[in-house]
Structure formats: C-alpha cells, structure tokens
Amino acid sequence: MSTHSHDIEEANEIEEGLALLPKFDADGLVTAVATDIASGDVLMVAHMNAEALAKTIETGEAWYFSRSRKKLWKKGEQSGHIQRVAELRVDCDQDAVWIKVEQVGAGGCHTGRRSCFYRAAPLGQKGAVKLEFRDADKTFDPAKVYK
C-alpha cells in the first residue's frame, strides 16, 4: 500500500471513525474548551495531556495539564469549583476537545469570575485597542479560595 493511501485511510479513521485517537501536539497536549452545559457560555480554555483526558473520561470531572506548572490538575482541587462533565467531544481531526460542563461552585476562572472570557475587544478600531469588561462581576474572592 502506498503512503498516500495509508494517509487517506488514517485521516478517514480519525475524521469518520469511532475510535478516540487524539492528535496531541509536540508537547503532548490537546486544547480543551469548557462550556457551560446550561447556557453554552465558554468558561475556559486549557490543555489536556493523555492522562488528563483519560482521567476526565474515567471520573466525569474535568482534569487538565498546566503548561506553566508542568503538572496535572483537577479543576476545583483548590477552590472546590469542580467541573462535572456532561459531554466530551473531539473536533474533526481530534486535536481539540470540547467539554460541556456543569460548573459547580461560584465560578470557573481563577480571577474570581464565572468565565475566563470577561473582556471584549471593540470592533472597528485601528491602532491600540482598549478592552472592555463584559459580564465581569466577580462571583467569589480568589484570595480566600486559593491559598
């Protein structure tokens, strides 16, 4: 079999098959997007390595890999604000994960907000862009939650 037809078969299996075949990047990670199951709002974007993905599937709670701390972490392990996973999807080429979660507790962002996406760039501007706060009220005090 030629390499070309093997590549087509592999792509077809990744894009149309039923096997979970995550395509991890050079650092062994896939991007993970967490959205609120009820509202559909994007809560956060993080990364998963193979262990985090496996633990998320096994436990039904969100696990991630911290690139800055170089370690596995469970969402809510310090704050108690866990993410219960209702559904986990992969994109067409399996290099990104979308988890629909029930955000337990006051919020999903370490800044004390419900979502990490609390600022917007106004459109139609040239030059330096000044961000605007949107849905930015704090839902908890991070100083009291993260020790």
N, C-alpha and C. Protein backbone atom coordinates (compact mmCIF):
# COMPACT_ATOMS: atom_id res chain seq x y z
N MET A 1 0.85 -1.18 0.00
CA MET A 1 0.00 0.00 0.00
C MET A 1 0.89 1.24 0.00
N SER A 2 0.53 2.21 -0.80
CA SER A 2 1.34 3.43 -0.87
C SER A 2 1.12 4.27 0.37
N THR A 3 2.08 5.14 0.64
CA THR A 3 1.97 6.03 1.78
C THR A 3 0.75 6.92 1.65
N HIS A 4 0.49 7.36 0.43
CA HIS A 4 -0.64 8.26 0.19
C HIS A 4 -1.97 7.60 0.59
N SER A 5 -2.20 6.37 0.17
CA SER A 5 -3.47 5.72 0.52
C SER A 5 -3.52 5.41 2.01
N HIS A 6 -2.37 5.14 2.63
CA HIS A 6 -2.33 4.92 4.08
C HIS A 6 -2.74 6.21 4.81
N ASP A 7 -2.23 7.35 4.34
CA ASP A 7 -2.58 8.64 4.94
C ASP A 7 -4.07 8.92 4.82
N ILE A 8 -4.64 8.58 3.66
CA ILE A 8 -6.07 8.79 3.45
C ILE A 8 -6.88 7.89 4.38
N GLU A 9 -6.46 6.63 4.52
CA GLU A 9 -7.14 5.70 5.43
C GLU A 9 -7.07 6.21 6.87
N GLU A 10 -5.87 6.66 7.28
CA GLU A 10 -5.70 7.16 8.65
C GLU A 10 -6.55 8.40 8.88
N ALA A 11 -6.55 9.33 7.93
CA ALA A 11 -7.37 10.53 8.05
C ALA A 11 -8.85 10.16 8.13
N ASN A 12 -9.27 9.20 7.31
CA ASN A 12 -10.66 8.78 7.32
C ASN A 12 -11.03 8.18 8.67
N GLU A 13 -10.13 7.37 9.26
CA GLU A 13 -10.40 6.79 10.57
C GLU A 13 -10.50 7.87 11.64
N ILE A 14 -9.61 8.87 11.58
CA ILE A 14 -9.63 9.96 12.55
C ILE A 14 -10.88 10.81 12.39
N GLU A 15 -11.25 11.12 11.15
CA GLU A 15 -12.37 12.04 10.88
C GLU A 15 -13.74 11.37 10.90
N GLU A 16 -13.82 10.10 10.55
CA GLU A 16 -15.12 9.44 10.43
C GLU A 16 -15.29 8.22 11.33
N GLY A 17 -14.19 7.72 11.89
CA GLY A 17 -14.24 6.51 12.70
C GLY A 17 -14.75 6.77 14.10
N LEU A 18 -14.96 5.69 14.83
CA LEU A 18 -15.49 5.79 16.19
C LEU A 18 -14.42 5.65 17.27
N ALA A 19 -13.17 5.44 16.88
CA ALA A 19 -12.09 5.32 17.87
C ALA A 19 -11.63 6.70 18.32
N LEU A 20 -11.41 6.84 19.63
CA LEU A 20 -10.81 8.06 20.15
C LEU A 20 -9.31 7.97 19.86
N LEU A 21 -8.85 8.84 18.96
CA LEU A 21 -7.44 8.86 18.53
C LEU A 21 -6.91 10.29 18.60
N PRO A 22 -6.79 10.83 19.83
CA PRO A 22 -6.40 12.23 19.94
C PRO A 22 -5.05 12.50 19.30
N LYS A 23 -4.98 13.63 18.62
CA LYS A 23 -3.74 14.05 17.97
C LYS A 23 -3.09 15.10 18.88
N PHE A 24 -2.21 14.62 19.77
CA PHE A 24 -1.52 15.51 20.70
C PHE A 24 -0.45 16.27 19.95
N ASP A 25 -0.18 17.51 20.39
CA ASP A 25 0.85 18.32 19.74
C ASP A 25 2.24 17.86 20.18
N ALA A 26 3.26 18.60 19.77
CA ALA A 26 4.65 18.23 20.08
C ALA A 26 4.92 18.17 21.58
N ASP A 27 4.12 18.90 22.37
CA ASP A 27 4.27 18.88 23.83
C ASP A 27 3.37 17.84 24.49
N GLY A 28 2.66 17.05 23.67
CA GLY A 28 1.79 16.01 24.22
C GLY A 28 0.46 16.53 24.71
N LEU A 29 -0.01 17.64 24.13
CA LEU A 29 -1.23 18.30 24.62
C LEU A 29 -2.26 18.48 23.51
N VAL A 30 -3.54 18.54 23.93
CA VAL A 30 -4.63 18.98 23.05
C VAL A 30 -5.30 20.15 23.76
N THR A 31 -5.82 21.07 22.97
CA THR A 31 -6.57 22.20 23.52
C THR A 31 -7.93 21.71 23.97
N ALA A 32 -8.36 22.17 25.14
CA ALA A 32 -9.66 21.80 25.69
C ALA A 32 -10.48 23.06 25.96
N VAL A 33 -11.68 23.10 25.41
CA VAL A 33 -12.60 24.22 25.60
C VAL A 33 -13.73 23.73 26.50
N ALA A 34 -13.96 24.42 27.61
CA ALA A 34 -15.04 24.07 28.53
C ALA A 34 -16.16 25.09 28.40
N THR A 35 -17.38 24.57 28.14
CA THR A 35 -18.55 25.45 28.06
C THR A 35 -19.58 25.02 29.09
N ASP A 36 -20.40 25.97 29.50
CA ASP A 36 -21.47 25.71 30.46
C ASP A 36 -22.58 24.94 29.77
N ILE A 37 -22.97 23.80 30.31
CA ILE A 37 -23.99 22.95 29.70
C ILE A 37 -25.34 23.66 29.59
N ALA A 38 -25.65 24.51 30.54
CA ALA A 38 -26.95 25.18 30.54
C ALA A 38 -27.00 26.38 29.59
N SER A 39 -25.99 27.25 29.66
CA SER A 39 -26.02 28.50 28.88
C SER A 39 -25.27 28.41 27.56
N GLY A 40 -24.32 27.50 27.47
CA GLY A 40 -23.47 27.42 26.29
C GLY A 40 -22.29 28.37 26.34
N ASP A 41 -22.19 29.19 27.39
CA ASP A 41 -21.09 30.14 27.50
C ASP A 41 -19.75 29.42 27.60
N VAL A 42 -18.72 29.99 26.96
CA VAL A 42 -17.36 29.46 27.11
C VAL A 42 -16.86 29.87 28.49
N LEU A 43 -16.46 28.90 29.28
CA LEU A 43 -15.96 29.18 30.62
C LEU A 43 -14.45 29.31 30.64
N MET A 44 -13.76 28.43 29.91
CA MET A 44 -12.31 28.47 29.92
C MET A 44 -11.75 27.64 28.78
N VAL A 45 -10.48 27.91 28.48
CA VAL A 45 -9.71 27.12 27.52
C VAL A 45 -8.45 26.69 28.26
N ALA A 46 -8.15 25.41 28.18
CA ALA A 46 -6.97 24.88 28.85
C ALA A 46 -6.38 23.78 27.97
N HIS A 47 -5.52 22.97 28.54
CA HIS A 47 -4.89 21.90 27.77
C HIS A 47 -4.99 20.59 28.54
N MET A 48 -5.05 19.50 27.79
CA MET A 48 -5.07 18.16 28.37
C MET A 48 -3.95 17.34 27.76
N ASN A 49 -3.26 16.59 28.62
CA ASN A 49 -2.36 15.56 28.10
C ASN A 49 -3.14 14.25 28.11
N ALA A 50 -2.50 13.15 27.74
CA ALA A 50 -3.21 11.87 27.66
C ALA A 50 -3.80 11.48 29.02
N GLU A 51 -3.04 11.72 30.10
CA GLU A 51 -3.52 11.36 31.43
C GLU A 51 -4.73 12.19 31.84
N ALA A 52 -4.69 13.50 31.57
CA ALA A 52 -5.82 14.37 31.91
C ALA A 52 -7.07 13.97 31.13
N LEU A 53 -6.90 13.65 29.86
CA LEU A 53 -8.03 13.23 29.04
C LEU A 53 -8.61 11.92 29.57
N ALA A 54 -7.74 10.97 29.89
CA ALA A 54 -8.21 9.68 30.42
C ALA A 54 -8.93 9.86 31.75
N LYS A 55 -8.37 10.68 32.66
CA LYS A 55 -8.99 10.90 33.97
C LYS A 55 -10.34 11.61 33.82
N THR A 56 -10.43 12.54 32.88
CA THR A 56 -11.70 13.24 32.63
C THR A 56 -12.76 12.24 32.19
N ILE A 57 -12.41 11.36 31.28
CA ILE A 57 -13.36 10.36 30.78
C ILE A 57 -13.72 9.38 31.89
N GLU A 58 -12.73 8.93 32.67
CA GLU A 58 -12.96 7.95 33.73
C GLU A 58 -13.80 8.49 34.88
N THR A 59 -13.53 9.74 35.30
CA THR A 59 -14.16 10.28 36.50
C THR A 59 -15.39 11.12 36.23
N GLY A 60 -15.53 11.64 35.00
CA GLY A 60 -16.64 12.54 34.71
C GLY A 60 -16.43 13.93 35.28
N GLU A 61 -15.21 14.23 35.71
CA GLU A 61 -14.86 15.56 36.18
C GLU A 61 -13.65 16.03 35.39
N ALA A 62 -13.55 17.34 35.17
CA ALA A 62 -12.51 17.90 34.30
C ALA A 62 -11.14 17.88 34.95
N TRP A 63 -10.18 17.35 34.20
CA TRP A 63 -8.76 17.35 34.56
C TRP A 63 -8.00 18.03 33.42
N TYR A 64 -6.95 18.75 33.77
CA TYR A 64 -6.17 19.48 32.79
C TYR A 64 -4.69 19.29 33.06
N PHE A 65 -3.87 19.80 32.13
CA PHE A 65 -2.42 19.82 32.33
C PHE A 65 -1.98 21.27 32.30
N SER A 66 -1.31 21.71 33.35
CA SER A 66 -0.82 23.08 33.44
C SER A 66 0.51 23.18 32.70
N ARG A 67 0.55 24.01 31.67
CA ARG A 67 1.81 24.21 30.94
C ARG A 67 2.81 24.98 31.78
N SER A 68 2.35 25.93 32.59
CA SER A 68 3.28 26.74 33.39
C SER A 68 3.84 25.95 34.57
N ARG A 69 2.99 25.15 35.23
CA ARG A 69 3.43 24.37 36.38
C ARG A 69 3.93 22.98 35.99
N LYS A 70 3.71 22.60 34.72
CA LYS A 70 4.13 21.30 34.21
C LYS A 70 3.57 20.16 35.05
N LYS A 71 2.27 20.26 35.36
CA LYS A 71 1.67 19.19 36.17
C LYS A 71 0.18 19.04 35.88
N LEU A 72 -0.30 17.85 36.16
CA LEU A 72 -1.71 17.51 36.04
C LEU A 72 -2.48 18.21 37.15
N TRP A 73 -3.69 18.69 36.85
CA TRP A 73 -4.51 19.28 37.91
C TRP A 73 -5.99 19.03 37.64
N LYS A 74 -6.71 18.85 38.71
CA LYS A 74 -8.16 18.66 38.64
C LYS A 74 -8.82 20.02 38.86
N LYS A 75 -9.71 20.39 37.97
CA LYS A 75 -10.43 21.66 38.14
C LYS A 75 -11.18 21.61 39.46
N GLY A 76 -10.93 22.59 40.30
CA GLY A 76 -11.60 22.69 41.58
C GLY A 76 -10.87 22.03 42.73
N GLU A 77 -9.66 21.50 42.48
CA GLU A 77 -8.95 20.81 43.55
C GLU A 77 -8.61 21.75 44.70
N GLN A 78 -8.41 23.04 44.42
CA GLN A 78 -8.17 24.01 45.49
C GLN A 78 -9.43 24.78 45.83
N SER A 79 -10.15 25.22 44.81
CA SER A 79 -11.30 26.11 45.01
C SER A 79 -12.57 25.37 45.39
N GLY A 80 -12.66 24.09 45.03
CA GLY A 80 -13.91 23.37 45.22
C GLY A 80 -14.87 23.58 44.06
N HIS A 81 -14.50 24.42 43.10
CA HIS A 81 -15.34 24.75 41.94
C HIS A 81 -15.08 23.75 40.82
N ILE A 82 -15.51 22.53 41.01
CA ILE A 82 -15.24 21.47 40.04
C ILE A 82 -16.10 21.64 38.79
N GLN A 83 -15.71 20.94 37.76
CA GLN A 83 -16.50 20.90 36.53
C GLN A 83 -16.93 19.46 36.31
N ARG A 84 -18.25 19.23 36.43
CA ARG A 84 -18.82 17.91 36.12
C ARG A 84 -19.06 17.86 34.62
N VAL A 85 -18.49 16.88 33.97
CA VAL A 85 -18.58 16.79 32.52
C VAL A 85 -19.87 16.08 32.11
N ALA A 86 -20.68 16.78 31.31
CA ALA A 86 -21.92 16.21 30.79
C ALA A 86 -21.67 15.54 29.44
N GLU A 87 -20.75 16.11 28.67
CA GLU A 87 -20.43 15.56 27.34
C GLU A 87 -19.02 15.97 26.97
N LEU A 88 -18.31 15.06 26.31
CA LEU A 88 -16.97 15.35 25.82
C LEU A 88 -16.95 15.04 24.33
N ARG A 89 -16.58 16.04 23.54
CA ARG A 89 -16.49 15.87 22.09
C ARG A 89 -15.07 16.17 21.63
N VAL A 90 -14.71 15.59 20.48
CA VAL A 90 -13.46 15.93 19.82
C VAL A 90 -13.80 16.57 18.48
N ASP A 91 -12.90 17.41 17.98
CA ASP A 91 -13.14 18.03 16.68
C ASP A 91 -12.80 17.03 15.58
N CYS A 92 -12.96 17.47 14.33
CA CYS A 92 -12.83 16.58 13.17
C CYS A 92 -11.49 15.88 13.08
N ASP A 93 -10.40 16.56 13.40
CA ASP A 93 -9.10 15.89 13.31
C ASP A 93 -8.55 15.49 14.69
N GLN A 94 -9.40 15.55 15.69
CA GLN A 94 -9.11 15.09 17.05
C GLN A 94 -7.91 15.76 17.70
N ASP A 95 -7.70 17.06 17.37
CA ASP A 95 -6.62 17.78 18.06
C ASP A 95 -7.16 18.84 19.01
N ALA A 96 -8.47 18.80 19.27
CA ALA A 96 -9.08 19.69 20.24
C ALA A 96 -10.26 18.96 20.89
N VAL A 97 -10.51 19.31 22.14
CA VAL A 97 -11.57 18.70 22.93
C VAL A 97 -12.53 19.78 23.38
N TRP A 98 -13.82 19.46 23.32
CA TRP A 98 -14.86 20.37 23.82
C TRP A 98 -15.60 19.63 24.91
N ILE A 99 -15.56 20.18 26.13
CA ILE A 99 -16.32 19.57 27.21
C ILE A 99 -17.44 20.51 27.64
N LYS A 100 -18.64 19.94 27.67
CA LYS A 100 -19.81 20.65 28.17
C LYS A 100 -19.91 20.28 29.63
N VAL A 101 -19.86 21.29 30.50
CA VAL A 101 -19.75 21.02 31.94
C VAL A 101 -20.84 21.70 32.74
N GLU A 102 -21.08 21.12 33.90
CA GLU A 102 -21.84 21.80 34.94
C GLU A 102 -20.78 22.39 35.86
N GLN A 103 -20.69 23.71 35.87
CA GLN A 103 -19.70 24.38 36.72
C GLN A 103 -20.25 24.42 38.14
N VAL A 104 -19.65 23.64 39.02
CA VAL A 104 -20.08 23.58 40.42
C VAL A 104 -19.33 24.65 41.18
N GLY A 105 -20.04 25.43 41.99
CA GLY A 105 -19.40 26.49 42.74
C GLY A 105 -19.58 27.82 42.04
N ALA A 106 -18.92 28.83 42.56
CA ALA A 106 -19.17 30.20 42.14
C ALA A 106 -18.59 30.57 40.78
N GLY A 107 -17.59 29.86 40.31
CA GLY A 107 -17.03 30.27 39.04
C GLY A 107 -15.92 29.36 38.55
N GLY A 108 -15.57 29.56 37.27
CA GLY A 108 -14.56 28.74 36.65
C GLY A 108 -13.22 29.42 36.46
N CYS A 109 -13.15 30.72 36.71
CA CYS A 109 -11.91 31.46 36.46
C CYS A 109 -11.17 31.75 37.77
N HIS A 110 -9.86 31.60 37.72
CA HIS A 110 -9.04 31.85 38.92
C HIS A 110 -9.04 33.31 39.35
N THR A 111 -9.60 34.21 38.49
CA THR A 111 -9.68 35.63 38.86
C THR A 111 -10.90 35.93 39.72
N GLY A 112 -11.75 34.91 39.93
CA GLY A 112 -12.95 35.11 40.75
C GLY A 112 -14.21 35.31 39.93
N ARG A 113 -14.13 35.08 38.64
CA ARG A 113 -15.29 35.27 37.76
C ARG A 113 -15.84 33.93 37.30
N ARG A 114 -17.07 33.96 36.80
CA ARG A 114 -17.72 32.76 36.31
C ARG A 114 -16.98 32.18 35.10
N SER A 115 -16.52 33.07 34.20
CA SER A 115 -15.84 32.67 32.97
C SER A 115 -14.50 33.39 32.86
N CYS A 116 -13.56 32.76 32.17
CA CYS A 116 -12.27 33.41 31.90
C CYS A 116 -12.40 34.48 30.80
N PHE A 117 -13.53 34.49 30.09
CA PHE A 117 -13.73 35.41 28.97
C PHE A 117 -14.61 36.57 29.42
N TYR A 118 -14.00 37.52 30.15
CA TYR A 118 -14.74 38.63 30.73
C TYR A 118 -14.33 39.99 30.15
N ARG A 119 -13.54 39.97 29.07
CA ARG A 119 -13.18 41.22 28.40
C ARG A 119 -13.39 41.05 26.90
N ALA A 120 -13.75 42.15 26.26
CA ALA A 120 -14.01 42.12 24.82
C ALA A 120 -13.22 43.23 24.14
N ALA A 121 -12.80 42.96 22.92
CA ALA A 121 -12.14 43.97 22.09
C ALA A 121 -13.20 44.58 21.19
N PRO A 122 -13.47 45.87 21.34
CA PRO A 122 -14.46 46.52 20.47
C PRO A 122 -14.00 46.44 19.01
N LEU A 123 -14.91 46.15 18.14
CA LEU A 123 -14.58 46.01 16.72
C LEU A 123 -14.57 47.36 16.01
N GLY A 124 -13.91 47.42 14.89
CA GLY A 124 -13.90 48.64 14.09
C GLY A 124 -12.88 49.67 14.54
N GLN A 125 -11.91 49.26 15.34
CA GLN A 125 -10.88 50.19 15.82
C GLN A 125 -9.57 49.95 15.08
N LYS A 126 -8.79 51.01 14.97
CA LYS A 126 -7.44 50.90 14.42
C LYS A 126 -6.46 51.25 15.53
N GLY A 127 -5.26 50.74 15.40
CA GLY A 127 -4.22 51.06 16.38
C GLY A 127 -4.42 50.30 17.67
N ALA A 128 -3.98 50.89 18.76
CA ALA A 128 -4.07 50.24 20.07
C ALA A 128 -5.53 50.03 20.45
N VAL A 129 -5.86 48.85 20.84
CA VAL A 129 -7.23 48.51 21.20
C VAL A 129 -7.35 48.47 22.71
N LYS A 130 -8.37 49.12 23.23
CA LYS A 130 -8.63 49.09 24.66
C LYS A 130 -9.77 48.11 24.92
N LEU A 131 -9.50 47.11 25.76
CA LEU A 131 -10.51 46.11 26.08
C LEU A 131 -11.60 46.70 26.95
N GLU A 132 -12.79 46.10 26.85
CA GLU A 132 -13.93 46.49 27.67
C GLU A 132 -14.36 45.30 28.50
N PHE A 133 -14.74 45.55 29.75
CA PHE A 133 -15.24 44.48 30.60
C PHE A 133 -16.65 44.10 30.17
N ARG A 134 -16.93 42.80 30.13
CA ARG A 134 -18.26 42.27 29.80
C ARG A 134 -18.54 41.11 30.74
N ASP A 135 -19.69 41.11 31.37
CA ASP A 135 -20.05 40.04 32.30
C ASP A 135 -18.88 39.76 33.24
N ALA A 136 -18.34 40.82 33.83
CA ALA A 136 -17.07 40.73 34.56
C ALA A 136 -17.21 40.77 36.07
N ASP A 137 -18.42 40.75 36.60
CA ASP A 137 -18.57 40.78 38.05
C ASP A 137 -17.92 39.55 38.67
N LYS A 138 -17.24 39.78 39.77
CA LYS A 138 -16.61 38.66 40.47
C LYS A 138 -17.68 37.89 41.23
N THR A 139 -17.59 36.56 41.16
CA THR A 139 -18.56 35.70 41.83
C THR A 139 -17.98 35.07 43.10
N PHE A 140 -16.66 35.23 43.28
CA PHE A 140 -16.01 34.77 44.51
C PHE A 140 -14.70 35.53 44.67
N ASP A 141 -14.16 35.48 45.89
CA ASP A 141 -12.91 36.16 46.20
C ASP A 141 -11.77 35.15 46.06
N PRO A 142 -10.94 35.30 45.00
CA PRO A 142 -9.88 34.32 44.80
C PRO A 142 -8.86 34.27 45.94
N ALA A 143 -8.67 35.36 46.65
CA ALA A 143 -7.70 35.38 47.76
C ALA A 143 -8.16 34.44 48.88
N LYS A 144 -9.46 34.26 49.03
CA LYS A 144 -9.99 33.38 50.07
C LYS A 144 -10.03 31.92 49.62
N VAL A 145 -10.05 31.71 48.31
CA VAL A 145 -10.20 30.36 47.75
C VAL A 145 -8.86 29.70 47.46
N TYR A 146 -7.91 30.48 46.91
CA TYR A 146 -6.61 29.93 46.54
C TYR A 146 -5.57 30.33 47.57
N LYS A 147 -5.06 29.38 48.26
CA LYS A 147 -4.08 29.66 49.31
C LYS A 147 -2.67 29.52 48.78
